[in-house]
N, C-alpha and C. Protein backbone atom coordinates (compact mmCIF):
# COMPACT_ATOMS: atom_id res chain seq x y z
N MET A 1 50.76 9.23 -70.30
CA MET A 1 50.14 9.12 -71.36
C MET A 1 50.89 9.88 -72.73
N ILE A 2 51.08 9.66 -73.44
CA ILE A 2 51.81 9.78 -74.64
C ILE A 2 51.12 11.42 -75.27
N ASP A 3 51.78 12.42 -75.47
CA ASP A 3 50.99 13.26 -76.56
C ASP A 3 51.55 13.04 -77.74
N VAL A 4 50.89 12.68 -79.10
CA VAL A 4 51.06 12.45 -79.98
C VAL A 4 50.01 13.50 -81.01
N ALA A 5 50.59 13.42 -82.30
CA ALA A 5 49.89 13.86 -83.51
C ALA A 5 50.03 12.97 -84.42
N VAL A 6 49.12 12.90 -85.14
CA VAL A 6 48.59 12.51 -86.19
C VAL A 6 48.05 13.11 -87.92
N PHE A 7 49.17 12.80 -88.97
CA PHE A 7 48.86 13.44 -90.26
C PHE A 7 48.56 12.65 -91.18
N ALA A 8 47.21 13.06 -91.15
CA ALA A 8 46.54 12.52 -92.83
C ALA A 8 46.37 13.28 -93.51
N SER A 9 46.04 12.79 -95.48
CA SER A 9 45.51 13.57 -96.21
C SER A 9 44.16 13.52 -96.42
N GLY A 10 43.82 12.12 -96.26
CA GLY A 10 42.04 11.46 -96.92
C GLY A 10 41.30 11.30 -96.42
N THR A 11 40.77 9.59 -96.47
CA THR A 11 39.83 9.45 -96.15
C THR A 11 40.14 8.99 -94.21
N GLY A 12 40.98 8.74 -93.41
CA GLY A 12 40.82 8.63 -92.19
C GLY A 12 40.73 7.26 -91.94
N SER A 13 40.95 5.91 -92.55
CA SER A 13 40.47 4.63 -91.72
C SER A 13 41.67 4.78 -91.17
N ASN A 14 43.38 4.56 -91.22
CA ASN A 14 43.99 4.49 -90.16
C ASN A 14 43.95 5.14 -89.00
N PHE A 15 43.25 6.70 -89.79
CA PHE A 15 43.50 7.67 -88.81
C PHE A 15 42.43 7.27 -87.54
N TYR A 16 41.10 6.32 -88.01
CA TYR A 16 40.35 6.43 -86.90
C TYR A 16 40.33 5.36 -85.96
N ASN A 17 41.01 3.96 -87.20
CA ASN A 17 41.35 3.02 -86.49
C ASN A 17 42.43 3.02 -85.27
N LEU A 18 43.76 4.50 -85.24
CA LEU A 18 43.87 4.42 -83.99
C LEU A 18 43.51 5.26 -83.14
N ALA A 19 42.50 6.14 -84.03
CA ALA A 19 41.64 7.06 -82.54
C ALA A 19 41.17 5.46 -81.88
N ILE A 20 40.44 4.44 -82.03
CA ILE A 20 39.72 3.96 -80.99
C ILE A 20 40.14 2.90 -80.57
N ASN A 21 41.49 2.37 -81.60
CA ASN A 21 41.97 1.11 -80.02
C ASN A 21 41.90 1.45 -79.35
N PRO A 22 41.33 0.25 -78.27
CA PRO A 22 41.67 0.54 -76.39
C PRO A 22 42.78 -0.07 -75.82
N ASP A 23 43.62 -0.74 -77.07
CA ASP A 23 45.11 -0.62 -76.32
C ASP A 23 45.52 0.32 -76.64
N LEU A 24 45.85 1.03 -77.52
CA LEU A 24 46.37 2.49 -78.06
C LEU A 24 46.10 3.42 -76.93
N LYS A 25 44.65 3.57 -76.56
CA LYS A 25 43.74 4.71 -75.43
C LYS A 25 44.80 4.40 -74.38
N LYS A 26 45.59 3.24 -73.82
CA LYS A 26 45.75 3.19 -72.52
C LYS A 26 47.24 4.04 -72.73
N LEU A 27 47.97 4.22 -74.04
CA LEU A 27 49.08 4.82 -74.23
C LEU A 27 49.35 5.88 -74.45
N ILE A 28 48.49 5.85 -75.67
CA ILE A 28 48.56 7.86 -76.47
C ILE A 28 47.45 8.49 -76.03
N ASN A 29 47.53 10.00 -76.40
CA ASN A 29 46.22 10.48 -76.49
C ASN A 29 46.82 11.39 -77.72
N ILE A 30 46.11 11.38 -78.44
CA ILE A 30 46.07 12.19 -80.18
C ILE A 30 45.51 13.32 -80.26
N LYS A 31 46.44 13.88 -79.94
CA LYS A 31 46.34 15.47 -79.54
C LYS A 31 45.69 16.38 -80.72
N TYR A 32 46.55 15.87 -81.57
CA TYR A 32 45.81 16.85 -83.01
C TYR A 32 45.89 15.64 -83.68
N LEU A 33 45.12 15.92 -85.00
CA LEU A 33 45.04 15.68 -86.25
C LEU A 33 45.55 16.82 -87.07
N VAL A 34 46.48 16.83 -87.68
CA VAL A 34 47.31 17.42 -89.04
C VAL A 34 46.17 16.79 -90.43
N CYS A 35 45.90 17.75 -91.19
CA CYS A 35 45.86 17.77 -92.19
C CYS A 35 45.47 18.39 -92.94
N ASP A 36 46.06 18.66 -94.51
CA ASP A 36 46.86 18.98 -95.52
C ASP A 36 45.36 19.27 -96.38
N ASN A 37 44.58 19.14 -96.06
CA ASN A 37 43.08 18.87 -97.16
C ASN A 37 42.71 18.98 -96.46
N PRO A 38 41.50 20.35 -96.94
CA PRO A 38 40.51 20.94 -96.50
C PRO A 38 38.90 20.25 -96.50
N LYS A 39 39.39 19.10 -97.84
CA LYS A 39 38.60 18.65 -98.20
C LYS A 39 38.39 17.39 -97.52
N ALA A 40 39.21 16.97 -97.23
CA ALA A 40 39.13 15.67 -96.59
C ALA A 40 38.40 15.01 -95.51
N SER A 41 37.98 13.52 -95.71
CA SER A 41 36.65 13.40 -94.57
C SER A 41 37.55 12.62 -93.29
N VAL A 42 38.96 12.84 -93.49
CA VAL A 42 39.62 12.57 -92.09
C VAL A 42 38.63 13.27 -91.43
N ILE A 43 38.83 14.51 -91.76
CA ILE A 43 38.41 15.86 -90.46
C ILE A 43 37.17 15.59 -89.90
N GLU A 44 36.23 14.97 -90.99
CA GLU A 44 34.89 14.75 -89.74
C GLU A 44 35.01 13.98 -88.81
N LYS A 45 36.07 12.77 -89.01
CA LYS A 45 36.10 11.93 -88.44
C LYS A 45 37.13 12.38 -86.69
N ALA A 46 38.09 12.96 -87.20
CA ALA A 46 38.42 13.59 -85.97
C ALA A 46 37.89 14.56 -84.85
N GLU A 47 36.41 14.91 -85.60
CA GLU A 47 35.61 16.17 -84.73
C GLU A 47 34.78 15.46 -84.52
N SER A 48 34.37 14.24 -85.11
CA SER A 48 33.68 13.08 -84.06
C SER A 48 34.14 12.58 -83.03
N LEU A 49 34.98 12.75 -82.92
CA LEU A 49 36.40 11.80 -82.03
C LEU A 49 36.67 12.94 -80.42
N ASN A 50 36.53 14.16 -80.90
CA ASN A 50 36.29 15.96 -80.59
C ASN A 50 38.20 15.32 -80.03
N ILE A 51 38.87 14.96 -81.28
CA ILE A 51 40.51 15.59 -81.31
C ILE A 51 40.55 16.62 -82.15
N LYS A 52 41.61 17.62 -81.68
CA LYS A 52 42.43 18.70 -82.19
C LYS A 52 42.21 18.58 -83.41
N THR A 53 41.58 19.57 -84.26
CA THR A 53 41.80 19.41 -85.86
C THR A 53 43.05 20.66 -86.30
N LEU A 54 44.00 20.59 -87.27
CA LEU A 54 44.26 21.78 -87.49
C LEU A 54 44.36 21.37 -89.36
N VAL A 55 44.26 21.92 -89.77
CA VAL A 55 43.66 21.88 -91.08
C VAL A 55 44.94 22.73 -91.71
N VAL A 56 45.85 22.57 -92.24
CA VAL A 56 46.68 23.76 -92.91
C VAL A 56 47.15 23.48 -94.28
N ASN A 57 46.44 24.08 -95.32
CA ASN A 57 46.54 23.96 -96.81
C ASN A 57 47.82 25.10 -97.19
N PRO A 58 49.17 23.68 -98.07
CA PRO A 58 50.05 24.38 -98.50
C PRO A 58 50.09 25.26 -99.09
N LYS A 59 48.45 25.53 -99.29
CA LYS A 59 48.88 26.62 -100.52
C LYS A 59 48.48 28.04 -100.31
N ASP A 60 48.02 28.36 -98.80
CA ASP A 60 48.23 29.25 -98.33
C ASP A 60 49.31 30.11 -97.47
N PHE A 61 50.81 29.55 -97.94
CA PHE A 61 51.63 29.45 -97.06
C PHE A 61 52.54 29.71 -99.09
N ASP A 62 53.89 31.08 -98.63
CA ASP A 62 54.78 31.16 -99.14
C ASP A 62 55.37 29.83 -100.00
N SER A 63 56.00 29.19 -98.59
CA SER A 63 56.75 28.77 -99.15
C SER A 63 57.11 27.06 -97.85
N LYS A 64 57.05 25.98 -98.32
CA LYS A 64 57.16 24.46 -97.72
C LYS A 64 57.78 25.08 -96.07
N LYS A 65 58.55 25.70 -96.40
CA LYS A 65 59.30 25.91 -94.84
C LYS A 65 58.13 26.98 -93.74
N TYR A 66 57.49 27.73 -95.01
CA TYR A 66 56.24 28.93 -93.88
C TYR A 66 55.55 28.06 -93.35
N TYR A 67 55.00 26.51 -94.10
CA TYR A 67 53.79 25.46 -93.82
C TYR A 67 54.19 25.08 -92.93
N GLU A 68 55.65 24.19 -93.07
CA GLU A 68 55.85 23.20 -92.04
C GLU A 68 56.13 24.41 -90.03
N GLU A 69 56.72 25.14 -90.36
CA GLU A 69 57.03 26.19 -89.29
C GLU A 69 55.62 26.60 -89.05
N TYR A 70 54.48 26.83 -89.47
CA TYR A 70 52.71 26.92 -88.49
C TYR A 70 52.72 25.48 -87.87
N ILE A 71 52.82 24.42 -88.65
CA ILE A 71 52.92 23.02 -88.15
C ILE A 71 53.44 22.75 -86.97
N LEU A 72 54.47 23.30 -86.92
CA LEU A 72 54.81 22.81 -85.40
C LEU A 72 55.05 24.21 -84.28
N LYS A 73 54.94 25.02 -84.49
CA LYS A 73 54.40 26.03 -83.98
C LYS A 73 52.93 25.94 -82.83
N ASN A 74 52.14 24.87 -83.46
CA ASN A 74 51.14 24.81 -83.37
C ASN A 74 50.47 22.63 -82.63
N ILE A 75 51.80 22.65 -82.75
CA ILE A 75 51.79 21.19 -82.13
C ILE A 75 52.79 20.80 -81.13
N GLU A 76 52.78 22.10 -80.29
CA GLU A 76 54.22 21.76 -79.36
C GLU A 76 53.20 21.04 -78.42
N ASN A 77 54.26 20.24 -77.39
CA ASN A 77 54.15 19.22 -76.78
C ASN A 77 54.29 17.94 -77.03
N VAL A 78 54.22 17.09 -78.62
CA VAL A 78 53.86 16.44 -79.18
C VAL A 78 55.02 15.90 -79.61
N LYS A 79 54.81 14.52 -78.97
CA LYS A 79 56.25 13.63 -78.19
C LYS A 79 56.20 12.87 -79.69
N TYR A 80 55.38 12.41 -80.30
CA TYR A 80 55.26 11.33 -81.51
C TYR A 80 54.55 11.70 -83.11
N ILE A 81 54.95 11.91 -83.95
CA ILE A 81 53.78 11.92 -84.84
C ILE A 81 53.68 10.73 -85.95
N PHE A 82 52.84 10.43 -85.76
CA PHE A 82 52.04 9.13 -86.87
C PHE A 82 51.76 9.71 -88.50
N LEU A 83 52.43 9.13 -89.23
CA LEU A 83 51.89 9.28 -90.43
C LEU A 83 50.30 8.41 -90.71
N ALA A 84 49.65 8.71 -91.49
CA ALA A 84 48.16 7.94 -91.72
C ALA A 84 47.83 8.23 -93.01
N GLY A 85 48.59 8.70 -93.64
CA GLY A 85 48.13 8.56 -95.59
C GLY A 85 48.44 10.15 -95.48
N TYR A 86 49.32 10.59 -94.91
CA TYR A 86 49.57 11.84 -95.59
C TYR A 86 50.13 11.82 -96.62
N MET A 87 50.14 12.56 -97.74
CA MET A 87 50.85 12.75 -98.55
C MET A 87 51.11 13.96 -99.01
N ARG A 88 52.06 14.29 -98.26
CA ARG A 88 53.39 15.23 -98.74
C ARG A 88 55.10 14.87 -98.04
N ILE A 89 55.48 15.37 -98.57
CA ILE A 89 57.26 14.29 -97.88
C ILE A 89 57.14 15.84 -97.56
N ILE A 90 57.87 15.18 -95.81
CA ILE A 90 58.40 16.09 -95.07
C ILE A 90 60.16 16.59 -95.30
N SER A 91 60.11 17.71 -94.43
CA SER A 91 61.77 18.21 -94.92
C SER A 91 62.92 17.97 -94.31
N PRO A 92 64.11 18.20 -94.87
CA PRO A 92 64.75 17.81 -92.85
C PRO A 92 64.81 18.79 -92.36
N TYR A 93 64.12 20.20 -92.22
CA TYR A 93 63.90 21.03 -91.18
C TYR A 93 63.05 20.44 -90.19
N PHE A 94 61.56 20.21 -90.90
CA PHE A 94 60.95 18.77 -89.79
C PHE A 94 61.50 17.73 -89.40
N LEU A 95 61.81 17.25 -90.16
CA LEU A 95 62.49 15.61 -89.96
C LEU A 95 63.46 16.01 -88.21
N GLU A 96 64.38 17.26 -88.41
CA GLU A 96 65.19 17.24 -87.16
C GLU A 96 64.34 17.20 -86.16
N LYS A 97 63.21 18.31 -85.81
CA LYS A 97 62.58 18.43 -84.40
C LYS A 97 61.87 17.29 -84.40
N PHE A 98 61.79 16.50 -85.10
CA PHE A 98 61.43 15.42 -84.62
C PHE A 98 62.28 13.49 -84.72
N ASN A 99 63.36 14.08 -84.50
CA ASN A 99 64.67 13.20 -85.27
C ASN A 99 64.05 11.53 -84.64
N GLY A 100 63.75 10.65 -85.37
CA GLY A 100 63.82 9.61 -84.53
C GLY A 100 62.24 9.47 -84.45
N LYS A 101 61.22 10.61 -84.44
CA LYS A 101 59.72 10.02 -83.82
C LYS A 101 58.80 10.64 -85.03
N ILE A 102 59.21 10.13 -85.65
CA ILE A 102 57.98 10.04 -86.54
C ILE A 102 58.23 8.78 -87.78
N VAL A 103 56.25 7.83 -87.67
CA VAL A 103 56.63 7.51 -88.31
C VAL A 103 55.48 7.16 -89.08
N ASN A 104 55.76 6.22 -90.47
CA ASN A 104 55.10 5.83 -91.59
C ASN A 104 54.32 4.51 -91.23
N ILE A 105 52.88 4.53 -92.33
CA ILE A 105 52.86 3.32 -93.11
C ILE A 105 52.14 3.26 -94.24
N HIS A 106 53.20 2.28 -94.92
CA HIS A 106 53.08 2.36 -96.56
C HIS A 106 52.26 0.91 -97.06
N PRO A 107 51.74 1.05 -97.99
CA PRO A 107 50.60 0.09 -98.22
C PRO A 107 51.72 -1.16 -99.98
N SER A 108 53.30 -1.24 -99.36
CA SER A 108 54.06 -1.86 -100.05
C SER A 108 54.77 -2.79 -98.93
N LEU A 109 55.45 -3.37 -99.60
CA LEU A 109 56.44 -4.52 -99.16
C LEU A 109 58.11 -3.86 -99.55
N LEU A 110 58.09 -2.93 -99.09
CA LEU A 110 59.24 -1.69 -99.16
C LEU A 110 60.58 -2.65 -99.09
N PRO A 111 61.74 -2.29 -99.72
CA PRO A 111 62.11 -1.09 -100.64
C PRO A 111 61.27 -1.46 -101.99
N LEU A 112 60.19 -2.35 -102.29
CA LEU A 112 59.42 -1.97 -103.09
C LEU A 112 58.84 -0.70 -103.45
N TYR A 113 58.03 -0.43 -104.52
CA TYR A 113 56.91 0.43 -104.90
C TYR A 113 57.14 1.69 -104.05
N LYS A 114 57.79 2.72 -103.30
CA LYS A 114 58.38 3.52 -102.62
C LYS A 114 57.17 4.28 -103.72
N GLY A 115 56.56 5.59 -102.65
CA GLY A 115 55.63 6.68 -103.57
C GLY A 115 54.32 6.50 -103.62
N LYS A 116 53.83 6.94 -104.93
CA LYS A 116 52.47 7.01 -104.49
C LYS A 116 51.77 5.64 -105.52
N TYR A 117 50.27 5.41 -105.32
CA TYR A 117 49.93 4.40 -106.30
C TYR A 117 50.61 2.30 -106.19
N SER A 118 51.30 2.52 -105.00
CA SER A 118 51.82 1.40 -104.52
C SER A 118 50.91 -0.24 -104.66
N ILE A 119 50.04 0.47 -104.05
CA ILE A 119 49.01 -1.11 -104.62
C ILE A 119 48.65 -1.61 -106.15
N LYS A 120 48.26 -0.32 -106.54
CA LYS A 120 48.09 -0.24 -108.44
C LYS A 120 49.52 -0.96 -109.20
N ARG A 121 50.49 -0.40 -108.21
CA ARG A 121 51.88 -0.78 -109.59
C ARG A 121 51.74 -1.81 -109.08
N ALA A 122 51.72 -2.57 -107.80
CA ALA A 122 52.06 -4.17 -108.11
C ALA A 122 51.35 -4.32 -108.58
N TYR A 123 50.27 -4.85 -108.14
CA TYR A 123 48.71 -5.23 -108.42
C TYR A 123 48.89 -5.45 -110.28
N GLU A 124 49.10 -4.26 -110.86
CA GLU A 124 49.42 -3.92 -112.06
C GLU A 124 50.52 -5.32 -113.00
N ASN A 125 51.83 -5.01 -112.05
CA ASN A 125 52.75 -6.62 -112.17
C ASN A 125 52.54 -7.53 -111.41
N LYS A 126 51.74 -8.13 -111.60
CA LYS A 126 51.49 -9.74 -110.78
C LYS A 126 52.32 -9.79 -109.64
N GLU A 127 52.38 -9.31 -108.66
CA GLU A 127 53.23 -9.83 -107.89
C GLU A 127 52.44 -10.42 -106.99
N GLU A 128 53.57 -11.93 -106.75
CA GLU A 128 52.78 -12.93 -106.00
C GLU A 128 52.38 -11.90 -104.36
N PHE A 129 52.95 -11.62 -104.01
CA PHE A 129 52.24 -10.72 -102.66
C PHE A 129 52.43 -9.74 -102.69
N ILE A 130 51.74 -9.05 -101.77
CA ILE A 130 51.41 -7.34 -101.78
C ILE A 130 51.14 -7.11 -100.67
N GLY A 131 51.83 -5.83 -100.22
CA GLY A 131 51.66 -6.35 -98.21
C GLY A 131 51.92 -4.50 -98.03
N ILE A 132 51.79 -4.41 -96.33
CA ILE A 132 52.11 -3.18 -96.14
C ILE A 132 53.98 -3.24 -95.15
N SER A 133 54.45 -1.98 -95.23
CA SER A 133 55.77 -1.49 -94.55
C SER A 133 55.01 -0.52 -93.27
N ILE A 134 55.66 -0.27 -92.43
CA ILE A 134 55.46 0.67 -90.92
C ILE A 134 57.33 0.60 -91.22
N HIS A 135 57.28 2.42 -91.21
CA HIS A 135 58.84 2.44 -91.02
C HIS A 135 58.80 4.17 -90.39
N TYR A 136 60.33 4.34 -90.12
CA TYR A 136 60.75 5.59 -89.80
C TYR A 136 60.80 6.83 -91.19
N VAL A 137 60.43 7.34 -90.71
CA VAL A 137 60.75 8.69 -91.82
C VAL A 137 62.21 9.25 -91.52
N ASN A 138 62.36 9.25 -92.46
CA ASN A 138 63.60 9.66 -92.80
C ASN A 138 63.93 10.80 -94.34
N GLU A 139 64.99 11.67 -94.50
CA GLU A 139 64.75 11.82 -96.35
C GLU A 139 64.53 11.26 -97.31
N GLU A 140 64.58 10.08 -97.11
CA GLU A 140 64.23 9.85 -98.60
C GLU A 140 62.83 9.12 -98.60
N VAL A 141 62.30 9.12 -99.03
CA VAL A 141 60.85 8.63 -98.73
C VAL A 141 61.14 8.15 -98.97
N ASP A 142 59.84 7.04 -98.09
CA ASP A 142 59.59 5.73 -97.58
C ASP A 142 60.93 5.17 -97.64
N GLY A 143 61.95 5.37 -97.26
CA GLY A 143 63.44 5.08 -96.84
C GLY A 143 64.09 4.81 -95.69
N GLY A 144 62.78 4.80 -94.83
CA GLY A 144 63.58 5.58 -93.30
C GLY A 144 63.33 3.49 -92.75
N GLU A 145 64.27 3.39 -92.15
CA GLU A 145 63.98 1.66 -91.49
C GLU A 145 62.90 1.31 -90.89
N ILE A 146 62.35 0.40 -91.68
CA ILE A 146 61.60 -1.09 -91.21
C ILE A 146 61.47 -1.29 -90.23
N LEU A 147 60.40 -0.85 -89.64
CA LEU A 147 59.77 -1.42 -88.01
C LEU A 147 58.86 -2.24 -88.27
N ALA A 148 58.25 -3.00 -88.96
CA ALA A 148 57.27 -3.92 -89.23
C ALA A 148 56.33 -3.99 -90.44
N GLN A 149 56.51 -5.49 -90.93
CA GLN A 149 55.68 -5.57 -92.54
C GLN A 149 54.74 -6.79 -92.45
N ASP A 150 54.11 -7.01 -93.10
CA ASP A 150 53.16 -8.13 -93.46
C ASP A 150 52.21 -7.85 -94.64
N LYS A 151 51.92 -9.34 -95.03
CA LYS A 151 52.17 -9.12 -96.73
C LYS A 151 50.58 -10.47 -96.46
N PHE A 152 49.88 -10.71 -97.86
CA PHE A 152 48.80 -11.12 -98.40
C PHE A 152 49.13 -12.34 -99.63
N LYS A 153 49.64 -13.15 -100.30
CA LYS A 153 49.48 -13.95 -101.29
C LYS A 153 48.23 -13.47 -102.33
N VAL A 154 48.67 -12.96 -103.09
CA VAL A 154 47.33 -12.04 -104.28
C VAL A 154 46.60 -13.25 -105.23
N ASP A 155 45.29 -13.27 -104.46
CA ASP A 155 44.47 -13.96 -105.75
C ASP A 155 43.76 -12.76 -106.98
N TYR A 156 44.33 -13.35 -107.63
CA TYR A 156 44.32 -12.43 -108.72
C TYR A 156 42.57 -12.24 -109.73
N LYS A 157 41.91 -13.23 -108.35
CA LYS A 157 40.66 -13.34 -109.44
C LYS A 157 40.08 -11.90 -108.38
N LEU A 158 40.29 -11.22 -107.50
CA LEU A 158 40.35 -10.49 -106.53
C LEU A 158 40.44 -9.05 -107.49
N SER A 159 39.40 -8.39 -107.65
CA SER A 159 39.34 -6.38 -108.48
C SER A 159 40.87 -6.08 -107.31
N LEU A 160 41.07 -4.83 -108.20
CA LEU A 160 41.95 -4.00 -107.26
C LEU A 160 41.85 -3.84 -106.41
N ASP A 161 39.83 -3.47 -106.47
CA ASP A 161 39.77 -2.70 -105.26
C ASP A 161 39.84 -3.80 -103.46
N GLU A 162 39.17 -4.74 -104.18
CA GLU A 162 39.40 -5.78 -103.33
C GLU A 162 40.59 -6.20 -102.79
N VAL A 163 41.25 -6.26 -103.82
CA VAL A 163 42.87 -6.02 -103.16
C VAL A 163 43.52 -4.96 -102.47
N THR A 164 42.98 -3.20 -102.23
CA THR A 164 43.32 -2.68 -101.39
C THR A 164 42.47 -2.86 -100.26
N GLN A 165 41.36 -3.19 -100.17
CA GLN A 165 40.82 -3.57 -98.77
C GLN A 165 41.64 -4.78 -98.16
N LYS A 166 42.32 -5.48 -98.73
CA LYS A 166 42.88 -6.23 -98.15
C LYS A 166 44.37 -5.84 -97.42
N VAL A 167 44.30 -5.32 -97.85
CA VAL A 167 45.89 -3.73 -97.86
C VAL A 167 45.02 -3.46 -96.15
N HIS A 168 44.45 -2.57 -96.46
CA HIS A 168 43.71 -1.58 -95.29
C HIS A 168 43.55 -2.30 -94.23
N GLU A 169 43.19 -3.65 -94.71
CA GLU A 169 42.84 -4.76 -93.33
C GLU A 169 44.40 -4.77 -92.66
N LEU A 170 45.18 -5.17 -93.41
CA LEU A 170 46.67 -5.91 -93.04
C LEU A 170 46.57 -4.04 -92.02
N GLU A 171 46.56 -3.02 -92.97
CA GLU A 171 47.60 -1.76 -92.04
C GLU A 171 46.29 -1.83 -90.49
N HIS A 172 45.44 -2.17 -90.30
CA HIS A 172 44.38 -1.67 -89.16
C HIS A 172 44.85 -2.86 -87.89
N GLY A 173 45.60 -4.30 -88.75
CA GLY A 173 45.69 -4.86 -87.42
C GLY A 173 47.64 -4.53 -86.97
N LEU A 174 48.38 -4.20 -87.93
CA LEU A 174 49.94 -3.98 -87.69
C LEU A 174 50.13 -2.58 -87.42
N TYR A 175 49.53 -1.74 -87.55
CA TYR A 175 49.56 0.02 -86.84
C TYR A 175 50.00 0.30 -85.51
N PRO A 176 48.99 -0.49 -84.79
CA PRO A 176 48.14 -0.15 -84.17
C PRO A 176 49.18 -0.95 -83.08
N LYS A 177 49.47 -2.04 -83.58
CA LYS A 177 50.42 -3.16 -82.68
C LYS A 177 51.74 -2.83 -82.65
N THR A 178 52.45 -2.41 -83.51
CA THR A 178 53.63 -1.64 -83.74
C THR A 178 54.34 -0.31 -83.22
N ILE A 179 53.27 0.65 -83.18
CA ILE A 179 53.27 1.81 -82.17
C ILE A 179 53.13 1.42 -80.87
N ILE A 180 52.67 0.34 -80.39
CA ILE A 180 52.51 0.13 -78.80
C ILE A 180 53.96 -0.36 -78.74
N LYS A 181 54.08 -1.36 -79.78
CA LYS A 181 55.87 -2.18 -79.36
C LYS A 181 56.62 -0.81 -79.65
N ILE A 182 56.54 0.23 -79.86
CA ILE A 182 57.53 1.80 -79.79
C ILE A 182 57.36 1.94 -78.90
N LEU A 183 56.58 2.62 -78.30
CA LEU A 183 56.00 3.28 -77.34
C LEU A 183 57.00 2.89 -75.80
N THR A 184 56.50 0.98 -76.19
CA THR A 184 56.62 0.67 -74.92
C THR A 184 58.48 0.44 -74.58
N ASP A 185 58.79 -0.49 -75.71
CA ASP A 185 60.35 -0.46 -75.80
C ASP A 185 60.85 0.69 -75.15
N ASN A 186 60.91 2.07 -75.63
CA ASN A 186 61.98 3.38 -75.79
C ASN A 186 61.24 3.69 -74.36
């Protein structure tokens, strides 16, 4: 069993999907949920699953370095970190501690639409396909090695909310499969 942490900032649908996946449960122990938003509903999801929750508000720290040092000190013995809607840029200092062991899911077909509001930007630009990317995290925002992608052809009769829901469905299918592949290949 591999101890991992999941970092999230919002509703936690990807976190919850990872936590309840029966195939992942055979490989990983989600030892911690790390959340930077004390009001995020992901916290309730983690608590309902008896997963230790570390809520760390960056506003409580004098610098990003102290914020990240606190997290690192409190997630010792974790082998991998999986980002699931974590809305903070991770510093080179933090990346060095988990070199090649931090994975992110992003709601666009990278390298397109890096950063925030990716689905909305792709939708407003009338992209033929919208999708997701799973990638290793490096110093460039959404710039690490792409591990997997999936997409669908957009029907513009659908609202942005409906397209966003389809993106989440892709995420919930591909993220667990990709994590299993990472863990069984290494």
